[in-house]
Amino acid sequence: MNQMGLSNSTQNNEAQQPTKQLFILSGQSNMAGRGGVDKHKHWDGVVPLPCSPDISKIHRLDAHLRWEVAHEPLHHDIDTKKTCGVGPGLAFANAIKESVGVIGLVPCAVGGTAIKEWARGKHLYENMVKRAKEAAAQGSGGEIKALLWYQGESDTSSEHDVDCYKENMERLIHNVREDLGLPSLPVIQVAVSSGDSKYIEKIRDIQKGIEVPNVVCVDAKGLQLKEDNLHLTTQAQVQLGQMLAQAYLAHFCGP
């Protein structure tokens, strides 16, 4: 059966499926995924085993707010101005599915975006909230379990951006929780491993030092970067997805 058939089957049987456990994937290019994308902006199509589709357990909300079987690249119709490749989302989902059940991934990341572009009222923020609400309302419904956030590279270039980052990030967390009606929504933030060397360590320190309840940080430092020294390789994205899974299971997936 082809991908379209799988998608139609998923939609037709929506009412018979158990409630999805929903995860918002947001931030910029390393969340959207550039694994396997070469300097000519071509994705090599290589999908590692940990990123394999799971027809029955892992679904994705597409750009038209329809559920389909999740497959790489997860953000191909969301981050449309760049070529998407492998990101951390499917590796994350495959690593937690036996513990949480049916998963709905809600991709929202867009490459090259600064934290100020994710402010309430801005298109990126409002679209993320809209997609999350729609994901929770469709079919048999869904429960939003966490926001996975990987962003900050675009804020490493100026002192002004650094000075505003902590306040902007904490406000984003507050706003998302308020607008989704989930005051304790878990947030797993990734500390960046690339960006402008002038301020990257300051951004990393802020990310690792966020002291907001139900927010944990996973550090991407040390994961392999591509030749551009900005984006994670395919294997590094697999590792990151598994690190995010470990963080979720350890901190937010109780017995």
Protein backbone atom coordinates (compact mmCIF):
# COMPACT_ATOMS: atom_id res chain seq x y z
CA MET A 1 0.00 0.00 0.00
CA ASN A 2 1.40 3.42 -0.89
CA GLN A 3 1.84 6.38 1.44
CA MET A 4 -1.41 7.97 0.29
CA GLY A 5 -3.25 4.77 1.06
CA LEU A 6 -1.75 4.63 4.50
CA SER A 7 -2.74 8.23 5.15
CA ASN A 8 -6.35 7.66 4.01
CA SER A 9 -6.61 4.52 6.09
CA THR A 10 -5.31 6.41 9.10
CA GLN A 11 -7.92 9.11 8.64
CA ASN A 12 -10.82 6.72 7.97
CA ASN A 13 -10.09 4.75 11.12
CA GLU A 14 -9.46 7.82 13.28
CA ALA A 15 -12.55 7.34 15.43
CA GLN A 16 -11.51 3.78 16.24
CA GLN A 17 -8.02 4.69 17.37
CA PRO A 18 -7.00 5.32 20.97
CA THR A 19 -6.26 8.85 22.10
CA LYS A 20 -2.97 10.08 20.70
CA GLN A 21 -0.19 11.28 22.96
CA LEU A 22 0.84 14.54 21.28
CA PHE A 23 4.29 16.09 21.06
CA ILE A 24 4.97 19.53 19.60
CA LEU A 25 8.26 19.74 17.68
CA SER A 26 9.36 23.33 17.38
CA GLY A 27 12.27 25.73 17.05
CA GLN A 28 14.55 26.14 14.06
CA SER A 29 16.50 24.08 11.53
CA ASN A 30 18.04 21.45 13.78
CA MET A 31 14.56 20.52 15.02
CA ALA A 32 13.16 20.63 11.49
CA GLY A 33 16.06 18.38 10.47
CA ARG A 34 18.90 18.79 8.02
CA GLY A 35 20.38 15.32 8.47
CA GLY A 36 21.48 13.93 5.12
CA VAL A 37 21.06 17.23 3.26
CA ASP A 38 24.19 18.05 1.27
CA LYS A 39 25.69 21.39 0.25
CA HIS A 40 23.63 21.30 -2.92
CA LYS A 41 20.44 21.22 -0.81
CA HIS A 42 19.66 17.62 -1.76
CA TRP A 43 18.48 15.10 0.84
CA ASP A 44 20.10 11.69 0.41
CA GLY A 45 16.92 9.84 1.42
CA VAL A 46 18.70 7.68 4.01
CA VAL A 47 16.39 6.81 6.91
CA PRO A 48 18.13 5.05 9.82
CA LEU A 49 16.28 2.21 11.52
CA PRO A 50 15.47 4.27 14.65
CA CYS A 51 13.65 6.75 12.38
CA SER A 52 11.51 4.15 10.62
CA PRO A 53 7.77 4.74 10.20
CA ASP A 54 5.34 2.87 12.44
CA ILE A 55 1.97 2.66 10.69
CA SER A 56 -0.04 1.90 13.82
CA LYS A 57 1.74 3.95 16.49
CA ILE A 58 3.37 7.12 15.12
CA HIS A 59 1.44 9.76 13.21
CA ARG A 60 2.16 13.27 11.99
CA LEU A 61 -0.07 16.32 11.58
CA ASP A 62 0.61 17.61 8.08
CA ALA A 63 0.53 21.22 6.90
CA HIS A 64 -3.19 20.88 6.07
CA LEU A 65 -3.99 19.72 9.62
CA ARG A 66 -4.56 16.12 8.58
CA TRP A 67 -3.09 13.05 10.24
CA GLU A 68 -0.84 10.75 8.27
CA VAL A 69 1.73 8.08 9.03
CA ALA A 70 4.85 9.89 10.23
CA HIS A 71 7.85 9.56 7.94
CA GLU A 72 11.04 11.46 7.23
CA PRO A 73 11.41 14.30 6.58
CA LEU A 74 8.85 15.20 9.25
CA HIS A 75 8.96 18.93 8.42
CA HIS A 76 8.96 18.70 4.62
CA ASP A 77 5.71 20.66 4.27
CA ILE A 78 6.25 22.92 7.29
CA ASP A 79 9.77 24.31 6.82
CA THR A 80 9.23 24.78 3.11
CA LYS A 81 11.87 27.37 2.22
CA LYS A 82 14.72 24.95 2.85
CA THR A 83 15.38 21.28 2.12
CA CYS A 84 14.51 19.15 5.12
CA GLY A 85 16.14 15.87 6.05
CA VAL A 86 16.30 13.74 9.16
CA GLY A 87 15.49 15.42 12.46
CA PRO A 88 15.11 14.11 16.02
CA GLY A 89 11.33 13.61 16.02
CA LEU A 90 10.95 10.06 14.74
CA ALA A 91 13.90 8.73 16.71
CA PHE A 92 12.26 10.28 19.79
CA ALA A 93 8.88 8.75 19.02
CA ASN A 94 10.24 5.28 18.30
CA ALA A 95 12.14 5.34 21.59
CA ILE A 96 9.08 6.14 23.71
CA LYS A 97 6.23 4.40 21.87
CA GLU A 98 6.27 1.23 23.96
CA SER A 99 5.87 3.37 27.08
CA VAL A 100 3.25 5.86 25.89
CA GLY A 101 1.19 4.19 23.16
CA VAL A 102 -0.07 5.92 20.03
CA ILE A 103 1.91 9.09 19.28
CA GLY A 104 0.96 12.18 17.31
CA LEU A 105 3.84 14.41 16.26
CA VAL A 106 3.05 18.05 15.56
CA PRO A 107 5.94 19.54 13.55
CA CYS A 108 6.20 23.34 13.72
CA ALA A 109 9.91 24.20 13.41
CA VAL A 110 11.18 26.68 10.83
CA GLY A 111 14.85 27.16 10.03
CA GLY A 112 16.71 30.41 10.62
CA THR A 113 14.21 31.82 13.13
CA ALA A 114 15.13 33.88 16.17
CA ILE A 115 13.30 33.66 19.49
CA LYS A 116 11.62 37.05 18.89
CA GLU A 117 9.87 35.54 15.87
CA TRP A 118 8.15 33.08 18.23
CA ALA A 119 6.50 35.81 20.30
CA ARG A 120 2.77 35.67 20.92
CA GLY A 121 0.98 37.37 18.03
CA LYS A 122 3.69 36.47 15.51
CA HIS A 123 2.84 34.02 12.72
CA LEU A 124 5.17 31.23 13.85
CA TYR A 125 3.84 31.24 17.40
CA GLU A 126 0.18 31.48 16.43
CA ASN A 127 0.56 28.70 13.86
CA MET A 128 2.21 26.46 16.44
CA VAL A 129 -0.62 27.00 18.92
CA LYS A 130 -3.25 26.51 16.20
CA ARG A 131 -1.66 23.25 15.08
CA ALA A 132 -1.39 21.95 18.65
CA LYS A 133 -5.03 22.76 19.40
CA GLU A 134 -6.21 21.17 16.16
CA ALA A 135 -4.16 18.05 16.87
CA ALA A 136 -5.82 17.71 20.27
CA ALA A 137 -9.32 18.25 18.88
CA GLN A 138 -9.31 15.93 15.87
CA GLY A 139 -10.87 12.49 15.67
CA SER A 140 -10.71 10.63 18.96
CA GLY A 141 -8.79 13.54 20.41
CA GLY A 142 -5.33 13.79 21.80
CA GLU A 143 -3.47 14.80 24.93
CA ILE A 144 -0.59 17.26 24.52
CA LYS A 145 2.25 15.73 26.50
CA ALA A 146 5.25 17.98 25.83
CA LEU A 147 6.87 20.68 23.75
CA LEU A 148 10.26 19.70 22.34
CA TRP A 149 12.17 22.89 21.59
CA TYR A 150 15.48 23.28 19.72
CA GLN A 151 16.26 26.90 18.88
CA GLY A 152 18.84 29.55 19.65
CA GLU A 153 21.47 29.44 16.93
CA SER A 154 19.97 32.56 15.36
CA ASP A 155 20.31 34.40 18.69
CA THR A 156 24.05 33.91 19.06
CA SER A 157 25.08 36.81 16.81
CA SER A 158 24.32 39.93 18.86
CA GLU A 159 24.63 41.04 22.46
CA HIS A 160 21.11 42.47 22.32
CA ASP A 161 19.64 39.08 21.34
CA VAL A 162 21.57 37.40 24.14
CA ASP A 163 20.41 39.95 26.70
CA CYS A 164 16.77 39.35 25.73
CA TYR A 165 16.95 35.58 25.36
CA LYS A 166 16.14 34.43 28.89
CA GLU A 167 13.12 36.70 29.19
CA ASN A 168 11.87 35.78 25.72
CA MET A 169 12.26 32.04 26.32
CA GLU A 170 10.52 32.15 29.68
CA ARG A 171 7.72 34.23 28.19
CA LEU A 172 7.33 31.72 25.35
CA ILE A 173 6.94 28.89 27.83
CA HIS A 174 4.38 30.88 29.84
CA ASN A 175 2.41 31.88 26.75
CA VAL A 176 2.28 28.38 25.26
CA ARG A 177 1.08 26.93 28.53
CA GLU A 178 -1.52 29.65 28.96
CA ASP A 179 -2.82 29.50 25.38
CA LEU A 180 -3.07 25.69 25.42
CA GLY A 181 -4.63 25.66 28.89
CA LEU A 182 -1.82 23.46 30.19
CA PRO A 183 -0.09 25.34 33.03
CA SER A 184 2.33 22.50 33.72
CA LEU A 185 3.07 21.46 30.12
CA PRO A 186 6.48 19.74 30.06
CA VAL A 187 9.09 21.48 27.94
CA ILE A 188 12.29 19.76 26.86
CA GLN A 189 14.72 22.34 25.55
CA VAL A 190 17.90 21.53 23.65
CA ALA A 191 21.03 23.54 24.46
CA VAL A 192 22.50 24.53 21.11
CA SER A 193 25.77 23.10 19.88
CA SER A 194 26.39 25.53 17.02
CA GLY A 195 26.05 29.18 16.11
CA ASP A 196 28.16 32.33 16.28
CA SER A 197 31.16 31.64 18.50
CA LYS A 198 30.97 35.16 19.92
CA TYR A 199 27.88 34.50 22.01
CA ILE A 200 27.09 30.79 21.76
CA GLU A 201 28.28 29.99 25.26
CA LYS A 202 26.12 32.73 26.73
CA ILE A 203 23.05 31.35 24.96
CA ARG A 204 23.94 27.84 26.13
CA ASP A 205 24.32 29.04 29.72
CA ILE A 206 20.90 30.68 29.56
CA GLN A 207 19.30 27.57 28.12
CA LYS A 208 20.85 25.29 30.72
CA GLY A 209 19.97 27.73 33.49
CA ILE A 210 16.23 28.18 32.82
CA GLU A 211 14.55 27.68 36.20
CA VAL A 212 10.92 27.16 35.30
CA PRO A 213 8.96 24.19 36.67
CA ASN A 214 8.63 21.20 34.32
CA VAL A 215 11.38 22.45 32.00
CA VAL A 216 14.43 20.28 31.41
CA CYS A 217 17.41 20.75 29.15
CA VAL A 218 19.17 18.26 26.89
CA ASP A 219 22.64 19.31 25.77
CA ALA A 220 23.51 18.83 22.10
CA LYS A 221 27.14 19.78 22.60
CA GLY A 222 29.44 17.07 21.32
CA LEU A 223 27.00 15.69 18.77
CA GLN A 224 28.50 15.52 15.29
CA LEU A 225 27.95 18.48 12.99
CA LYS A 226 27.92 18.46 9.21
CA GLU A 227 30.55 20.25 7.15
CA ASP A 228 28.64 23.50 7.57
CA ASN A 229 29.42 23.41 11.32
CA LEU A 230 25.81 24.35 12.00
CA HIS A 231 23.53 21.37 11.42
CA LEU A 232 23.54 17.93 13.02
CA THR A 233 24.34 14.89 10.92
CA THR A 234 21.77 12.14 10.46
CA GLN A 235 23.40 9.97 13.14
CA ALA A 236 23.60 12.92 15.51
CA GLN A 237 19.88 13.54 15.01
CA VAL A 238 19.19 9.92 15.94
CA GLN A 239 21.26 10.37 19.09
CA LEU A 240 19.47 13.60 19.93
CA GLY A 241 16.06 12.02 19.46
CA GLN A 242 17.04 9.24 21.85
CA MET A 243 18.39 11.77 24.36
CA LEU A 244 15.09 13.64 24.22
CA ALA A 245 13.27 10.36 24.77
CA GLN A 246 15.40 9.53 27.79
CA ALA A 247 14.69 12.96 29.25
CA TYR A 248 10.95 12.61 28.68
CA LEU A 249 10.76 9.11 30.16
CA ALA A 250 12.90 10.07 33.15
CA HIS A 251 11.16 13.32 34.06
CA PHE A 252 7.61 13.23 32.71
CA CYS A 253 6.47 9.65 32.08
CA GLY A 254 5.46 8.38 35.47
CA PRO A 255 4.47 4.83 36.39
